[in-house]
Amino acid sequence: MNQLPKDPFRDKDKPEGPSMTRIAVWLVVGGFGAYLLVTGIIGILSGR
């Protein structure tokens, strides 16, 4: 989706990193997973 031309000096054997969309999705999913983990631990410790 990038409209800029590829850098001719970039190493051809090195794979490109993940896209910004993929990073955003992983941050959201990771944050939700951390929320579930923390609330579960708090629930176990509080004994409810």
PDB file of N, CA and C in Angstrom:
ATOM      1  N   MET A   1       0.809  -1.196   0.000  1.00  0.00           N
ATOM      2  CA  MET A   1       0.000   0.000   0.000  1.00  0.00           C
ATOM      3  C   MET A   1       0.851   1.259   0.000  1.00  0.00           C
ATOM      4  N   ASN A   2       2.141   1.092   0.168  1.00  0.00           N
ATOM      5  CA  ASN A   2       3.021   2.251   0.196  1.00  0.00           C
ATOM      6  C   ASN A   2       3.173   2.802  -1.209  1.00  0.00           C
ATOM      7  N   GLN A   3       2.985   4.092  -1.384  1.00  0.00           N
ATOM      8  CA  GLN A   3       3.042   4.719  -2.700  1.00  0.00           C
ATOM      9  C   GLN A   3       4.451   5.150  -3.085  1.00  0.00           C
ATOM     10  N   LEU A   4       5.391   5.116  -2.128  1.00  0.00           N
ATOM     11  CA  LEU A   4       6.748   5.516  -2.419  1.00  0.00           C
ATOM     12  C   LEU A   4       7.484   4.393  -3.138  1.00  0.00           C
ATOM     13  N   PRO A   5       8.436   4.738  -4.014  1.00  0.00           N
ATOM     14  CA  PRO A   5       9.201   3.681  -4.685  1.00  0.00           C
ATOM     15  C   PRO A   5      10.106   2.966  -3.700  1.00  0.00           C
ATOM     16  N   LYS A   6      10.440   1.733  -4.035  1.00  0.00           N
ATOM     17  CA  LYS A   6      11.323   0.952  -3.181  1.00  0.00           C
ATOM     18  C   LYS A   6      12.713   1.584  -3.156  1.00  0.00           C
ATOM     19  N   ASP A   7      13.375   1.466  -2.019  1.00  0.00           N
ATOM     20  CA  ASP A   7      14.715   2.014  -1.877  1.00  0.00           C
ATOM     21  C   ASP A   7      15.688   1.131  -2.651  1.00  0.00           C
ATOM     22  N   PRO A   8      16.411   1.669  -3.643  1.00  0.00           N
ATOM     23  CA  PRO A   8      17.324   0.827  -4.428  1.00  0.00           C
ATOM     24  C   PRO A   8      18.539   0.357  -3.632  1.00  0.00           C
ATOM     25  N   PHE A   9      18.840   1.005  -2.496  1.00  0.00           N
ATOM     26  CA  PHE A   9      20.012   0.646  -1.707  1.00  0.00           C
ATOM     27  C   PHE A   9      19.689  -0.325  -0.578  1.00  0.00           C
ATOM     28  N   ARG A  10      18.422  -0.697  -0.464  1.00  0.00           N
ATOM     29  CA  ARG A  10      18.007  -1.620   0.595  1.00  0.00           C
ATOM     30  C   ARG A  10      18.528  -3.019   0.284  1.00  0.00           C
ATOM     31  N   ASP A  11      18.916  -3.737   1.332  1.00  0.00           N
ATOM     32  CA  ASP A  11      19.397  -5.101   1.176  1.00  0.00           C
ATOM     33  C   ASP A  11      18.249  -5.971   0.660  1.00  0.00           C
ATOM     34  N   LYS A  12      18.447  -6.630  -0.456  1.00  0.00           N
ATOM     35  CA  LYS A  12      17.375  -7.418  -1.089  1.00  0.00           C
ATOM     36  C   LYS A  12      17.057  -8.691  -0.303  1.00  0.00           C
ATOM     37  N   ASP A  13      18.040  -9.219   0.448  1.00  0.00           N
ATOM     38  CA  ASP A  13      17.818 -10.462   1.174  1.00  0.00           C
ATOM     39  C   ASP A  13      17.095 -10.258   2.495  1.00  0.00           C
ATOM     40  N   LYS A  14      17.086  -9.030   3.011  1.00  0.00           N
ATOM     41  CA  LYS A  14      16.451  -8.752   4.295  1.00  0.00           C
ATOM     42  C   LYS A  14      14.942  -8.588   4.091  1.00  0.00           C
ATOM     43  N   PRO A  15      14.122  -9.390   4.781  1.00  0.00           N
ATOM     44  CA  PRO A  15      12.668  -9.248   4.616  1.00  0.00           C
ATOM     45  C   PRO A  15      12.171  -7.949   5.238  1.00  0.00           C
ATOM     46  N   GLU A  16      11.071  -7.448   4.705  1.00  0.00           N
ATOM     47  CA  GLU A  16      10.478  -6.232   5.257  1.00  0.00           C
ATOM     48  C   GLU A  16       9.826  -6.545   6.593  1.00  0.00           C
ATOM     49  N   GLY A  17       9.745  -5.539   7.453  1.00  0.00           N
ATOM     50  CA  GLY A  17       9.122  -5.719   8.752  1.00  0.00           C
ATOM     51  C   GLY A  17       7.607  -5.763   8.635  1.00  0.00           C
ATOM     52  N   PRO A  18       6.931  -5.985   9.752  1.00  0.00           N
ATOM     53  CA  PRO A  18       5.471  -6.037   9.731  1.00  0.00           C
ATOM     54  C   PRO A  18       4.878  -4.659   9.431  1.00  0.00           C
ATOM     55  N   SER A  19       3.694  -4.656   8.854  1.00  0.00           N
ATOM     56  CA  SER A  19       3.037  -3.396   8.510  1.00  0.00           C
ATOM     57  C   SER A  19       2.491  -2.730   9.767  1.00  0.00           C
ATOM     58  N   MET A  20       2.183  -1.446   9.648  1.00  0.00           N
ATOM     59  CA  MET A  20       1.654  -0.703  10.796  1.00  0.00           C
ATOM     60  C   MET A  20       0.297  -1.259  11.225  1.00  0.00           C
ATOM     61  N   THR A  21      -0.495  -1.734  10.285  1.00  0.00           N
ATOM     62  CA  THR A  21      -1.796  -2.310  10.624  1.00  0.00           C
ATOM     63  C   THR A  21      -1.626  -3.561  11.470  1.00  0.00           C
ATOM     64  N   ARG A  22      -0.665  -4.399  11.089  1.00  0.00           N
ATOM     65  CA  ARG A  22      -0.433  -5.624  11.848  1.00  0.00           C
ATOM     66  C   ARG A  22       0.062  -5.311  13.258  1.00  0.00           C
ATOM     67  N   ILE A  23       0.922  -4.315  13.377  1.00  0.00           N
ATOM     68  CA  ILE A  23       1.416  -3.910  14.698  1.00  0.00           C
ATOM     69  C   ILE A  23       0.262  -3.393  15.549  1.00  0.00           C
ATOM     70  N   ALA A  24      -0.637  -2.601  14.951  1.00  0.00           N
ATOM     71  CA  ALA A  24      -1.787  -2.062  15.688  1.00  0.00           C
ATOM     72  C   ALA A  24      -2.705  -3.189  16.167  1.00  0.00           C
ATOM     73  N   VAL A  25      -2.948  -4.169  15.307  1.00  0.00           N
ATOM     74  CA  VAL A  25      -3.806  -5.297  15.696  1.00  0.00           C
ATOM     75  C   VAL A  25      -3.176  -6.066  16.846  1.00  0.00           C
ATOM     76  N   TRP A  26      -1.868  -6.312  16.777  1.00  0.00           N
ATOM     77  CA  TRP A  26      -1.200  -7.043  17.849  1.00  0.00           C
ATOM     78  C   TRP A  26      -1.224  -6.266  19.158  1.00  0.00           C
ATOM     79  N   LEU A  27      -1.107  -4.944  19.093  1.00  0.00           N
ATOM     80  CA  LEU A  27      -1.172  -4.138  20.310  1.00  0.00           C
ATOM     81  C   LEU A  27      -2.553  -4.218  20.954  1.00  0.00           C
ATOM     82  N   VAL A  28      -3.593  -4.150  20.133  1.00  0.00           N
ATOM     83  CA  VAL A  28      -4.963  -4.224  20.666  1.00  0.00           C
ATOM     84  C   VAL A  28      -5.217  -5.609  21.268  1.00  0.00           C
ATOM     85  N   VAL A  29      -4.860  -6.652  20.544  1.00  0.00           N
ATOM     86  CA  VAL A  29      -5.086  -8.021  21.029  1.00  0.00           C
ATOM     87  C   VAL A  29      -4.241  -8.292  22.281  1.00  0.00           C
ATOM     88  N   GLY A  30      -2.996  -7.822  22.271  1.00  0.00           N
ATOM     89  CA  GLY A  30      -2.137  -8.008  23.443  1.00  0.00           C
ATOM     90  C   GLY A  30      -2.647  -7.258  24.653  1.00  0.00           C
ATOM     91  N   GLY A  31      -3.163  -6.047  24.437  1.00  0.00           N
ATOM     92  CA  GLY A  31      -3.733  -5.278  25.537  1.00  0.00           C
ATOM     93  C   GLY A  31      -4.954  -5.956  26.129  1.00  0.00           C
ATOM     94  N   PHE A  32      -5.799  -6.502  25.268  1.00  0.00           N
ATOM     95  CA  PHE A  32      -6.990  -7.208  25.744  1.00  0.00           C
ATOM     96  C   PHE A  32      -6.592  -8.475  26.505  1.00  0.00           C
ATOM     97  N   GLY A  33      -5.606  -9.190  25.994  1.00  0.00           N
ATOM     98  CA  GLY A  33      -5.122 -10.381  26.681  1.00  0.00           C
ATOM     99  C   GLY A  33      -4.527 -10.046  28.047  1.00  0.00           C
ATOM    100  N   ALA A  34      -3.774  -8.948  28.116  1.00  0.00           N
ATOM    101  CA  ALA A  34      -3.200  -8.524  29.399  1.00  0.00           C
ATOM    102  C   ALA A  34      -4.300  -8.143  30.376  1.00  0.00           C
ATOM    103  N   TYR A  35      -5.352  -7.483  29.872  1.00  0.00           N
ATOM    104  CA  TYR A  35      -6.491  -7.124  30.723  1.00  0.00           C
ATOM    105  C   TYR A  35      -7.140  -8.385  31.306  1.00  0.00           C
ATOM    106  N   LEU A  36      -7.368  -9.379  30.454  1.00  0.00           N
ATOM    107  CA  LEU A  36      -7.986 -10.616  30.939  1.00  0.00           C
ATOM    108  C   LEU A  36      -7.089 -11.321  31.958  1.00  0.00           C
ATOM    109  N   LEU A  37      -5.801 -11.328  31.712  1.00  0.00           N
ATOM    110  CA  LEU A  37      -4.864 -11.970  32.625  1.00  0.00           C
ATOM    111  C   LEU A  37      -4.846 -11.271  33.984  1.00  0.00           C
ATOM    112  N   VAL A  38      -4.756  -9.953  33.981  1.00  0.00           N
ATOM    113  CA  VAL A  38      -4.692  -9.197  35.226  1.00  0.00           C
ATOM    114  C   VAL A  38      -5.998  -9.319  36.008  1.00  0.00           C
ATOM    115  N   THR A  39      -7.132  -9.186  35.329  1.00  0.00           N
ATOM    116  CA  THR A  39      -8.404  -9.305  36.040  1.00  0.00           C
ATOM    117  C   THR A  39      -8.614 -10.722  36.575  1.00  0.00           C
ATOM    118  N   GLY A  40      -8.115 -11.725  35.866  1.00  0.00           N
ATOM    119  CA  GLY A  40      -8.212 -13.100  36.366  1.00  0.00           C
ATOM    120  C   GLY A  40      -7.377 -13.315  37.607  1.00  0.00           C
ATOM    121  N   ILE A  41      -6.157 -12.767  37.601  1.00  0.00           N
ATOM    122  CA  ILE A  41      -5.293 -12.894  38.776  1.00  0.00           C
ATOM    123  C   ILE A  41      -5.885 -12.146  39.962  1.00  0.00           C
ATOM    124  N   ILE A  42      -6.425 -10.962  39.722  1.00  0.00           N
ATOM    125  CA  ILE A  42      -7.065 -10.201  40.799  1.00  0.00           C
ATOM    126  C   ILE A  42      -8.278 -10.958  41.344  1.00  0.00           C
ATOM    127  N   GLY A  43      -9.040 -11.565  40.454  1.00  0.00           N
ATOM    128  CA  GLY A  43     -10.195 -12.353  40.882  1.00  0.00           C
ATOM    129  C   GLY A  43      -9.794 -13.550  41.733  1.00  0.00           C
ATOM    130  N   ILE A  44      -8.716 -14.213  41.348  1.00  0.00           N
ATOM    131  CA  ILE A  44      -8.256 -15.365  42.129  1.00  0.00           C
ATOM    132  C   ILE A  44      -7.756 -14.907  43.503  1.00  0.00           C
ATOM    133  N   LEU A  45      -7.002 -13.827  43.538  1.00  0.00           N
ATOM    134  CA  LEU A  45      -6.458 -13.347  44.800  1.00  0.00           C
ATOM    135  C   LEU A  45      -7.527 -12.805  45.737  1.00  0.00           C
ATOM    136  N   SER A  46      -8.582 -12.212  45.169  1.00  0.00           N
ATOM    137  CA  SER A  46      -9.626 -11.655  46.029  1.00  0.00           C
ATOM    138  C   SER A  46     -10.571 -12.754  46.538  1.00  0.00           C
ATOM    139  N   GLY A  47     -10.551 -13.918  45.907  1.00  0.00           N
ATOM    140  CA  GLY A  47     -11.359 -15.047  46.388  1.00  0.00           C
ATOM    141  C   GLY A  47     -12.824 -14.970  46.007  1.00  0.00           C
ATOM    142  N   ARG A  48     -13.155 -14.201  44.992  1.00  0.00           N
ATOM    143  CA  ARG A  48     -14.562 -14.104  44.596  1.00  0.00           C
ATOM    144  C   ARG A  48     -14.874 -15.023  43.470  1.00  0.00           C
TER     145      ARG A  48
END
